[in-house]
Amino acid sequence: MNLAETYLGQQVLQRVAGMVLRNPEENLPRLVDLAIRIAPLESHREIARKVKPFLDDKDGNWYKLGMRMLTETHPKVRERTAVNFFINASFLGIPKQREAEKRLGVKVPWAILMDPTEKCNLRCIGCWAGDYQLRHELSLETMDRVCREGGELGIHFYVISGGEPMVRKNDLLELARRHPEQMFHIYTNGTLITEEFAREAAERGNMVFALSIEGLEETTDARRGKGVFQKVMRAMDILHDAGLIYGFSATYTRKNTEEVASDEFIDLMVDKGCAFGWYFTYIPIGRDVDLELMATPEQRAYMFDRIREFRRTKPIFLVDFWNDGEAAVGCIAGGRKYFHINAAGEVEPCAFAHYATCNINDVSVEEALQNPLFKAYQKRQPFDPNLRRPCPIIDHPEMLRNMVHESGAYPTQLTANETVDEFAAKLASYATAWGELADKIWKDEHGEGPVAVGLDGLGSTSR
């Protein structure tokens, strides 16, 4: 049952939605005022209080983004996004998750990431999923069960990746139809999006898309294949014409960091109608692993500075999933805020940590959340008091090694041709180099901060 309708009533929701859409410029700030008064958690009220000044500034980039989303999206998309994302997943879902945590004794995440398939129509260099077996798929029934069991725990946000999930486009549409109270955020290379699919997705109203891109045309085609950039541009046009919400997903490497952090690139994404952009730093797993492809520590710091500048000036919502560790209070994986189910059903801490102790085909979502690898993660999080060093893979690889050994986790890649000890050892020099720069940045920004911090296998801090 839809949480929002249960708690607030369908008529109230329809009146609020209608009020905002009839006069968004005047009524959107009023809706934020309402959230400040009635939000169930103080953290929600605090977020609303912080958002309010930006919506009052009609010349500001955030106001422009809000108005664009309210006026350019399909009515069904606006309605389902407002209800499912803001009310079900956040305002009402989070308190329900906290109640479940008390019963289960572990964290209940805000989101679940699922891979419907390992299959993909592209063969991108360095793909994080490129070393899966390219034959496994999650059945529609399994994905349906995960959504149903997750919903019972208050989880209303489901991220869909792969492989290329659009290989299973009909099943995705059916999943969205079966669960109208939940949001489905689909990562796609964009090449299989059609006008017919976009129209059907808009009718569902609860599907949002992130299109993968590496920068401008030459750079994107160099990694993804000739002609892919133009197909992504066309997919954005199709999604925009259908009134869907979408953005971009960019992996920054040693070769393209400056390009995806340029005004030219961001301005293009805004012009193409992107509401958001997700930045991922290259992690050396999957196909064609290359440590030299990793962004340098200096590039990683540069990216953070550029995104902060864009947040002040560009009408687009941007997140860097590694550099924004301070906002997320460290690593969000291992069931703390999300976890990953790959196409074989293996329950992994995140999309980049290819280790598991259980398979979703054999256990319920509740049982999966209580697995020993997730517990090992949660007792150590955050992995460093310097939240610019959040990741147990590239920032603290010794922690990943310790957690895998402690939990008895097994590797989930096809060619597990190195042990977790060997994997951690090859990332040690990068972790040290970034740690030295990150500690300097942290101290400059926060005053006295962690310097030469080390974390032992039990998660305690030594200086």
Protein backbone atom coordinates (compact mmCIF):
# COMPACT_ATOMS: atom_id res chain seq x y z
CA MET A 1 0.00 0.00 0.00
CA ASN A 2 1.23 3.51 -0.80
CA LEU A 3 2.68 4.99 2.39
CA ALA A 4 1.83 8.53 1.39
CA GLU A 5 -1.82 7.73 0.76
CA THR A 6 -2.00 5.78 3.99
CA TYR A 7 -0.65 8.57 6.17
CA LEU A 8 -1.85 11.68 4.38
CA GLY A 9 -4.80 10.53 2.29
CA GLN A 10 -5.20 10.58 -1.46
CA GLN A 11 -7.27 13.76 -1.52
CA VAL A 12 -4.65 15.71 0.46
CA LEU A 13 -1.89 14.55 -1.88
CA GLN A 14 -3.86 15.49 -4.97
CA ARG A 15 -4.69 18.93 -3.56
CA VAL A 16 -1.05 19.64 -2.67
CA ALA A 17 0.18 18.45 -6.07
CA GLY A 18 -2.46 20.48 -7.87
CA MET A 19 -1.63 23.58 -5.83
CA VAL A 20 2.06 23.40 -6.75
CA LEU A 21 1.50 22.69 -10.43
CA ARG A 22 -1.08 25.45 -10.91
CA ASN A 23 1.33 28.11 -9.72
CA PRO A 24 4.78 26.62 -9.04
CA GLU A 25 6.57 29.96 -8.62
CA GLU A 26 4.34 30.96 -5.70
CA ASN A 27 3.38 27.63 -4.21
CA LEU A 28 6.63 25.63 -4.24
CA PRO A 29 8.11 27.76 -1.41
CA ARG A 30 4.82 27.25 0.48
CA LEU A 31 5.22 23.49 0.10
CA VAL A 32 8.70 23.72 1.63
CA ASP A 33 7.20 25.69 4.52
CA LEU A 34 4.71 22.87 4.99
CA ALA A 35 7.54 20.32 5.04
CA ILE A 36 9.31 22.33 7.75
CA ARG A 37 6.20 22.07 9.91
CA ILE A 38 5.06 18.47 9.36
CA ALA A 39 8.15 16.41 8.40
CA PRO A 40 8.43 13.39 10.75
CA LEU A 41 12.18 13.72 11.42
CA GLU A 42 14.18 16.73 12.53
CA SER A 43 16.76 15.93 9.84
CA HIS A 44 14.03 16.35 7.20
CA ARG A 45 12.94 19.66 8.68
CA GLU A 46 16.55 20.84 8.70
CA ILE A 47 16.96 19.97 5.01
CA ALA A 48 13.78 21.89 4.18
CA ARG A 49 15.03 24.91 6.13
CA LYS A 50 18.28 24.83 4.14
CA VAL A 51 16.45 24.52 0.81
CA LYS A 52 14.07 27.40 1.48
CA PRO A 53 16.52 30.32 0.83
CA PHE A 54 17.48 28.87 -2.54
CA LEU A 55 13.85 28.73 -3.66
CA ASP A 56 13.32 32.30 -2.52
CA ASP A 57 16.11 33.44 -4.90
CA LYS A 58 14.32 33.57 -8.25
CA ASP A 59 17.58 34.34 -10.07
CA GLY A 60 19.42 31.44 -8.49
CA ASN A 61 20.45 28.21 -10.19
CA TRP A 62 18.47 25.99 -7.80
CA TYR A 63 15.27 27.92 -8.35
CA LYS A 64 15.75 27.62 -12.11
CA LEU A 65 16.29 23.87 -11.79
CA GLY A 66 13.15 23.46 -9.68
CA MET A 67 10.99 25.44 -12.08
CA ARG A 68 12.36 23.52 -15.08
CA MET A 69 11.52 20.19 -13.49
CA LEU A 70 8.02 21.36 -12.58
CA THR A 71 7.19 22.81 -15.98
CA GLU A 72 8.95 20.42 -18.41
CA THR A 73 8.05 17.03 -16.96
CA HIS A 74 5.00 14.88 -17.68
CA PRO A 75 2.20 15.38 -15.10
CA LYS A 76 2.31 11.71 -14.07
CA VAL A 77 6.09 11.92 -13.61
CA ARG A 78 5.77 15.02 -11.42
CA GLU A 79 3.10 13.37 -9.31
CA ARG A 80 4.83 10.03 -8.81
CA THR A 81 8.23 11.65 -8.16
CA ALA A 82 6.78 13.96 -5.53
CA VAL A 83 4.92 11.14 -3.79
CA ASN A 84 7.40 8.27 -4.18
CA PHE A 85 10.72 10.05 -3.78
CA PHE A 86 9.98 12.85 -1.36
CA ILE A 87 7.15 11.36 0.69
CA ASN A 88 7.38 7.56 0.48
CA ALA A 89 11.16 7.10 0.21
CA SER A 90 12.23 9.98 2.43
CA PHE A 91 9.66 11.51 4.78
CA LEU A 92 7.77 8.31 5.64
CA GLY A 93 10.10 5.54 4.54
CA ILE A 94 13.05 6.51 6.71
CA PRO A 95 11.19 6.32 10.05
CA LYS A 96 9.89 2.91 8.99
CA GLN A 97 13.46 1.83 8.19
CA ARG A 98 14.58 2.93 11.65
CA GLU A 99 11.85 0.84 13.26
CA ALA A 100 12.99 -2.20 11.27
CA GLU A 101 16.60 -1.62 12.31
CA LYS A 102 15.65 -1.97 15.97
CA ARG A 103 14.03 -5.31 15.24
CA LEU A 104 16.77 -6.69 12.97
CA GLY A 105 19.81 -5.34 14.80
CA VAL A 106 21.40 -4.08 11.55
CA LYS A 107 21.03 -1.10 9.24
CA VAL A 108 18.14 -0.97 6.81
CA PRO A 109 19.23 0.95 3.71
CA TRP A 110 17.49 3.74 1.86
CA ALA A 111 18.03 2.09 -1.54
CA ILE A 112 18.66 -1.27 -3.19
CA LEU A 113 20.69 -1.61 -6.40
CA MET A 114 19.78 -4.54 -8.66
CA ASP A 115 21.20 -5.81 -11.96
CA PRO A 116 18.47 -7.42 -14.10
CA THR A 117 21.12 -8.74 -16.49
CA GLU A 118 24.85 -9.04 -17.14
CA LYS A 119 24.27 -8.75 -20.88
CA CYS A 120 25.25 -5.54 -22.65
CA ASN A 121 25.30 -4.33 -26.24
CA LEU A 122 28.53 -2.37 -25.61
CA ARG A 123 32.02 -3.41 -24.48
CA CYS A 124 33.34 -0.33 -22.70
CA ILE A 125 36.97 -0.18 -21.63
CA GLY A 126 37.33 -0.59 -17.87
CA CYS A 127 33.65 -1.43 -17.22
CA TRP A 128 33.13 -2.26 -13.53
CA ALA A 129 30.76 -5.08 -14.52
CA GLY A 130 32.89 -6.28 -17.41
CA ASP A 131 34.22 -9.34 -15.60
CA TYR A 132 30.84 -10.84 -14.75
CA GLN A 133 29.87 -13.85 -16.85
CA LEU A 134 27.45 -12.08 -19.23
CA ARG A 135 24.88 -14.84 -18.91
CA HIS A 136 23.15 -14.43 -15.54
CA GLU A 137 19.84 -12.61 -15.11
CA LEU A 138 17.55 -11.87 -12.19
CA SER A 139 14.07 -13.15 -12.88
CA LEU A 140 11.17 -10.71 -12.86
CA GLU A 141 9.71 -12.70 -9.97
CA THR A 142 12.90 -12.27 -7.93
CA MET A 143 13.04 -8.52 -8.56
CA ASP A 144 9.35 -8.26 -7.73
CA ARG A 145 9.95 -10.07 -4.43
CA VAL A 146 12.90 -7.82 -3.56
CA CYS A 147 10.75 -4.73 -4.14
CA ARG A 148 7.89 -6.17 -2.12
CA GLU A 149 10.09 -7.23 0.81
CA GLY A 150 12.02 -3.97 0.65
CA GLY A 151 8.80 -1.99 0.70
CA GLU A 152 7.77 -3.76 3.88
CA LEU A 153 10.97 -2.39 5.44
CA GLY A 154 10.30 1.16 4.20
CA ILE A 155 12.62 0.99 1.16
CA HIS A 156 11.04 2.81 -1.77
CA PHE A 157 14.03 3.62 -4.00
CA TYR A 158 15.45 0.98 -6.36
CA VAL A 159 18.47 1.56 -8.57
CA ILE A 160 18.70 -0.59 -11.71
CA SER A 161 22.04 -1.24 -13.40
CA GLY A 162 23.78 -4.05 -15.29
CA GLY A 163 25.02 -5.00 -17.82
CA GLU A 164 22.66 -2.89 -19.83
CA PRO A 165 19.27 -2.96 -18.08
CA MET A 166 17.41 -1.82 -21.20
CA VAL A 167 18.02 -5.30 -22.58
CA ARG A 168 15.16 -6.13 -20.17
CA LYS A 169 13.07 -3.02 -20.92
CA ASN A 170 9.73 -4.84 -20.89
CA ASP A 171 10.42 -6.37 -17.49
CA LEU A 172 11.44 -2.95 -16.16
CA LEU A 173 8.16 -1.46 -17.33
CA GLU A 174 6.29 -4.34 -15.71
CA LEU A 175 8.22 -3.90 -12.43
CA ALA A 176 7.35 -0.20 -12.38
CA ARG A 177 3.70 -1.07 -13.07
CA ARG A 178 3.56 -3.59 -10.23
CA HIS A 179 5.11 -1.15 -7.74
CA PRO A 180 3.62 2.30 -8.42
CA GLU A 181 4.54 3.43 -4.88
CA GLN A 182 8.29 3.01 -5.52
CA MET A 183 10.90 4.88 -7.58
CA PHE A 184 13.11 3.11 -10.12
CA HIS A 185 16.36 4.84 -11.07
CA ILE A 186 17.83 3.22 -14.18
CA TYR A 187 21.47 3.51 -15.24
CA THR A 188 21.69 2.97 -18.98
CA ASN A 189 24.10 3.54 -21.86
CA GLY A 190 21.12 5.13 -23.65
CA THR A 191 21.53 3.35 -26.97
CA LEU A 192 18.37 1.22 -26.63
CA ILE A 193 15.94 3.96 -25.59
CA THR A 194 13.09 4.44 -28.07
CA GLU A 195 10.15 6.83 -28.31
CA GLU A 196 7.70 4.02 -27.57
CA PHE A 197 9.59 2.98 -24.43
CA ALA A 198 9.81 6.59 -23.23
CA ARG A 199 6.06 7.07 -23.66
CA GLU A 200 5.34 3.96 -21.63
CA ALA A 201 7.83 5.00 -18.94
CA ALA A 202 6.12 8.38 -18.66
CA GLU A 203 2.78 6.65 -18.21
CA ARG A 204 4.26 4.74 -15.27
CA GLY A 205 5.62 7.99 -13.83
CA ASN A 206 8.08 6.31 -11.45
CA MET A 207 11.13 5.74 -13.68
CA VAL A 208 14.15 8.08 -13.72
CA PHE A 209 17.18 7.64 -15.97
CA ALA A 210 20.94 8.23 -15.74
CA LEU A 211 22.71 8.05 -19.09
CA SER A 212 26.37 7.07 -19.11
CA ILE A 213 28.77 9.43 -20.84
CA GLU A 214 32.53 10.03 -20.71
CA GLY A 215 32.65 13.68 -21.70
CA LEU A 216 32.29 15.13 -25.18
CA GLU A 217 31.99 13.15 -28.42
CA GLU A 218 35.58 12.09 -29.07
CA THR A 219 36.18 10.99 -25.49
CA THR A 220 32.87 9.14 -25.14
CA ASP A 221 33.30 7.27 -28.41
CA ALA A 222 36.90 6.36 -27.54
CA ARG A 223 35.74 4.38 -24.50
CA ARG A 224 32.22 3.31 -25.53
CA GLY A 225 32.41 2.91 -29.29
CA LYS A 226 32.04 5.06 -32.39
CA GLY A 227 28.68 6.79 -32.65
CA VAL A 228 27.65 6.20 -29.03
CA PHE A 229 27.83 9.89 -28.06
CA GLN A 230 25.28 10.89 -30.69
CA LYS A 231 23.01 8.03 -29.60
CA VAL A 232 23.16 9.33 -26.02
CA MET A 233 22.30 12.86 -27.23
CA ARG A 234 19.34 11.42 -29.14
CA ALA A 235 18.22 9.43 -26.08
CA MET A 236 18.22 12.62 -24.00
CA ASP A 237 16.01 14.29 -26.60
CA ILE A 238 13.60 11.35 -26.52
CA LEU A 239 13.39 11.39 -22.73
CA HIS A 240 12.89 15.16 -22.70
CA ASP A 241 10.12 15.05 -25.28
CA ALA A 242 8.34 12.38 -23.21
CA GLY A 243 8.54 14.55 -20.08
CA LEU A 244 10.78 12.16 -18.12
CA ILE A 245 13.40 13.09 -15.52
CA TYR A 246 16.95 12.13 -16.46
CA GLY A 247 20.57 13.04 -15.96
CA PHE A 248 24.06 11.85 -16.78
CA SER A 249 26.50 9.43 -15.19
CA ALA A 250 30.20 10.06 -15.77
CA THR A 251 33.24 8.08 -14.68
CA TYR A 252 36.25 10.34 -14.33
CA THR A 253 39.67 8.91 -15.07
CA ARG A 254 43.20 10.16 -15.59
CA LYS A 255 42.23 10.83 -19.23
CA ASN A 256 38.96 12.74 -18.95
CA THR A 257 38.75 14.43 -15.53
CA GLU A 258 39.32 17.94 -16.82
CA GLU A 259 36.81 17.42 -19.62
CA VAL A 260 33.89 16.19 -17.49
CA ALA A 261 34.72 18.98 -15.01
CA SER A 262 34.57 21.67 -17.68
CA ASP A 263 31.95 24.38 -18.12
CA GLU A 264 31.53 23.24 -21.72
CA PHE A 265 30.50 19.75 -20.65
CA ILE A 266 28.15 20.84 -17.85
CA ASP A 267 26.55 23.52 -19.98
CA LEU A 268 25.88 20.89 -22.66
CA MET A 269 24.24 18.60 -20.09
CA VAL A 270 22.05 21.46 -18.86
CA ASP A 271 21.11 22.40 -22.42
CA LYS A 272 20.15 18.76 -23.08
CA GLY A 273 17.73 18.88 -20.14
CA CYS A 274 19.65 16.90 -17.51
CA ALA A 275 18.31 17.45 -14.01
CA PHE A 276 21.27 15.78 -12.29
CA GLY A 277 24.71 14.31 -12.83
CA TRP A 278 26.41 11.47 -10.97
CA TYR A 279 30.22 11.35 -10.90
CA PHE A 280 32.12 8.14 -10.22
CA THR A 281 35.88 7.88 -9.96
CA TYR A 282 37.37 4.98 -11.90
CA ILE A 283 37.80 1.86 -9.74
CA PRO A 284 40.25 -0.75 -11.10
CA ILE A 285 37.92 -3.75 -11.29
CA GLY A 286 36.11 -5.49 -14.13
CA ARG A 287 37.28 -5.43 -17.75
CA ASP A 288 40.76 -4.24 -18.79
CA VAL A 289 41.85 -3.30 -15.26
CA ASP A 290 44.41 -0.50 -15.41
CA LEU A 291 45.76 1.28 -12.34
CA GLU A 292 47.11 4.00 -14.64
CA LEU A 293 43.53 4.85 -15.62
CA MET A 294 42.72 5.97 -12.08
CA ALA A 295 42.40 9.72 -11.60
CA THR A 296 45.41 11.11 -9.78
CA PRO A 297 44.95 12.42 -6.22
CA GLU A 298 45.32 15.94 -7.61
CA GLN A 299 42.58 15.29 -10.19
CA ARG A 300 40.31 13.90 -7.50
CA ALA A 301 40.74 17.07 -5.45
CA TYR A 302 40.23 19.20 -8.55
CA MET A 303 36.96 17.43 -9.30
CA PHE A 304 35.62 18.21 -5.84
CA ASP A 305 36.45 21.90 -6.20
CA ARG A 306 34.83 22.07 -9.63
CA ILE A 307 31.61 20.39 -8.45
CA ARG A 308 31.38 22.81 -5.53
CA GLU A 309 31.64 25.67 -8.01
CA PHE A 310 29.00 24.15 -10.28
CA ARG A 311 26.64 23.76 -7.33
CA ARG A 312 26.81 27.51 -6.83
CA THR A 313 26.30 28.42 -10.47
CA LYS A 314 24.67 25.72 -12.62
CA PRO A 315 20.98 24.65 -12.63
CA ILE A 316 21.77 20.96 -12.20
CA PHE A 317 22.12 18.70 -9.15
CA LEU A 318 25.60 17.10 -9.02
CA VAL A 319 27.02 14.40 -6.75
CA ASP A 320 30.50 12.86 -6.60
CA PHE A 321 30.04 9.52 -4.84
CA TRP A 322 33.59 9.47 -3.47
CA ASN A 323 34.37 13.13 -2.81
CA ASP A 324 30.99 13.71 -1.17
CA GLY A 325 31.85 11.41 1.71
CA GLU A 326 31.48 14.30 4.13
CA ALA A 327 27.85 14.86 3.13
CA ALA A 328 27.13 11.12 3.40
CA VAL A 329 29.16 10.71 6.62
CA GLY A 330 31.47 8.23 4.95
CA CYS A 331 30.87 5.06 2.94
CA ILE A 332 27.19 4.31 2.27
CA ALA A 333 27.68 0.66 1.22
CA GLY A 334 27.27 -2.64 3.05
CA GLY A 335 23.60 -2.05 3.77
CA ARG A 336 24.17 1.23 5.61
CA LYS A 337 22.43 3.28 2.92
CA TYR A 338 22.40 0.81 0.02
CA PHE A 339 23.63 -2.55 -1.22
CA HIS A 340 23.99 -4.36 -4.53
CA ILE A 341 22.38 -7.52 -5.93
CA ASN A 342 24.17 -8.61 -9.08
CA ALA A 343 22.52 -10.49 -11.94
CA ALA A 344 23.53 -13.84 -10.45
CA GLY A 345 21.74 -12.87 -7.23
CA GLU A 346 24.93 -12.42 -5.19
CA VAL A 347 24.44 -9.86 -2.42
CA GLU A 348 27.41 -7.47 -2.53
CA PRO A 349 28.23 -4.47 -0.30
CA CYS A 350 28.33 -2.17 -3.33
CA ALA A 351 28.62 -2.30 -7.10
CA PHE A 352 32.41 -2.10 -6.90
CA ALA A 353 33.07 -4.57 -4.06
CA HIS A 354 32.73 -7.93 -5.77
CA TYR A 355 32.44 -10.16 -2.72
CA ALA A 356 29.43 -11.85 -1.13
CA THR A 357 28.37 -14.32 1.54
CA CYS A 358 24.81 -15.03 0.32
CA ASN A 359 22.54 -15.06 -2.71
CA ILE A 360 19.14 -13.35 -2.89
CA ASN A 361 17.69 -16.40 -4.64
CA ASP A 362 18.23 -18.30 -1.38
CA VAL A 363 17.40 -15.68 1.26
CA SER A 364 14.92 -12.89 1.98
CA VAL A 365 15.89 -9.21 1.98
CA GLU A 366 15.80 -9.24 5.79
CA GLU A 367 18.16 -12.21 5.89
CA ALA A 368 20.45 -10.64 3.30
CA LEU A 369 20.78 -7.49 5.40
CA GLN A 370 22.07 -9.56 8.32
CA ASN A 371 24.91 -11.23 6.42
CA PRO A 372 28.38 -11.16 8.05
CA LEU A 373 30.04 -9.03 5.37
CA PHE A 374 27.51 -6.21 5.90
CA LYS A 375 28.00 -6.46 9.65
CA ALA A 376 31.75 -6.17 9.15
CA TYR A 377 31.18 -3.00 7.11
CA GLN A 378 28.79 -1.42 9.58
CA LYS A 379 30.92 -1.89 12.67
CA ARG A 380 33.75 0.00 10.93
CA GLN A 381 31.82 2.81 9.22
CA PRO A 382 32.95 5.48 8.76
CA PHE A 383 36.30 4.02 7.79
CA ASP A 384 38.18 7.22 8.60
CA PRO A 385 37.41 10.36 10.62
CA ASN A 386 38.56 12.26 7.54
CA LEU A 387 35.39 11.87 5.50
CA ARG A 388 37.26 12.79 2.32
CA ARG A 389 38.68 9.24 2.61
CA PRO A 390 35.42 7.24 2.77
CA CYS A 391 36.05 4.18 0.60
CA PRO A 392 37.28 0.77 1.81
CA ILE A 393 38.34 -0.12 -1.73
CA ILE A 394 40.58 2.72 -2.90
CA ASP A 395 41.06 4.74 0.31
CA HIS A 396 41.46 1.91 2.83
CA PRO A 397 42.04 -1.30 0.85
CA GLU A 398 43.37 -3.00 3.97
CA MET A 399 39.89 -2.64 5.45
CA LEU A 400 38.30 -4.43 2.51
CA ARG A 401 40.85 -7.21 2.94
CA ASN A 402 40.09 -7.51 6.65
CA MET A 403 36.31 -7.53 6.14
CA VAL A 404 36.46 -10.20 3.46
CA HIS A 405 38.60 -12.44 5.67
CA GLU A 406 36.50 -11.80 8.77
CA SER A 407 33.20 -12.59 7.03
CA GLY A 408 34.43 -15.49 4.91
CA ALA A 409 33.15 -13.75 1.78
CA TYR A 410 33.82 -15.24 -1.65
CA PRO A 411 34.67 -13.37 -4.89
CA THR A 412 31.83 -12.86 -7.37
CA GLN A 413 33.81 -12.09 -10.53
CA LEU A 414 34.28 -14.66 -13.28
CA THR A 415 38.06 -14.44 -13.29
CA ALA A 416 38.98 -14.03 -9.65
CA ASN A 417 42.62 -14.23 -10.63
CA GLU A 418 43.92 -12.43 -7.58
CA THR A 419 43.24 -12.76 -3.89
CA VAL A 420 41.77 -9.92 -1.87
CA ASP A 421 45.21 -9.58 -0.28
CA GLU A 422 46.79 -9.03 -3.70
CA PHE A 423 44.03 -6.62 -4.69
CA ALA A 424 44.52 -4.58 -1.50
CA ALA A 425 48.29 -4.54 -1.93
CA LYS A 426 48.17 -3.09 -5.44
CA LEU A 427 45.96 -0.20 -4.26
CA ALA A 428 48.05 0.63 -1.19
CA SER A 429 50.24 3.24 -2.89
CA TYR A 430 47.24 5.10 -4.31
CA ALA A 431 45.50 5.05 -0.93
CA THR A 432 48.61 6.48 0.73
CA ALA A 433 49.04 9.23 -1.85
CA TRP A 434 45.38 10.29 -1.67
CA GLY A 435 45.43 10.03 2.13
CA GLU A 436 48.29 12.51 2.40
CA LEU A 437 46.57 15.04 0.14
CA ALA A 438 43.11 14.45 1.65
CA ASP A 439 44.42 14.97 5.18
CA LYS A 440 45.98 18.27 4.15
CA ILE A 441 42.72 19.39 2.51
CA TRP A 442 40.70 18.31 5.55
CA LYS A 443 42.98 20.18 7.93
CA ASP A 444 42.91 23.32 5.78
CA GLU A 445 39.09 23.25 5.71
CA HIS A 446 38.35 22.07 9.25
CA GLY A 447 41.32 23.22 11.30
CA GLU A 448 42.79 20.48 13.41
CA GLY A 449 41.96 17.26 11.64
CA PRO A 450 43.25 13.73 11.29
CA VAL A 451 46.87 13.59 10.23
CA ALA A 452 48.59 10.28 9.41
CA VAL A 453 45.51 8.42 10.55
CA GLY A 454 45.57 4.62 10.44
CA LEU A 455 42.67 2.29 11.02
CA ASP A 456 43.25 -1.20 12.36
CA GLY A 457 41.18 -4.25 11.51
CA LEU A 458 38.69 -3.61 14.31
CA GLY A 459 37.86 -0.13 13.11
CA SER A 460 39.59 1.76 15.94
CA THR A 461 41.66 4.83 15.22
CA SER A 462 45.37 5.23 15.89
CA ARG A 463 47.42 8.36 15.40
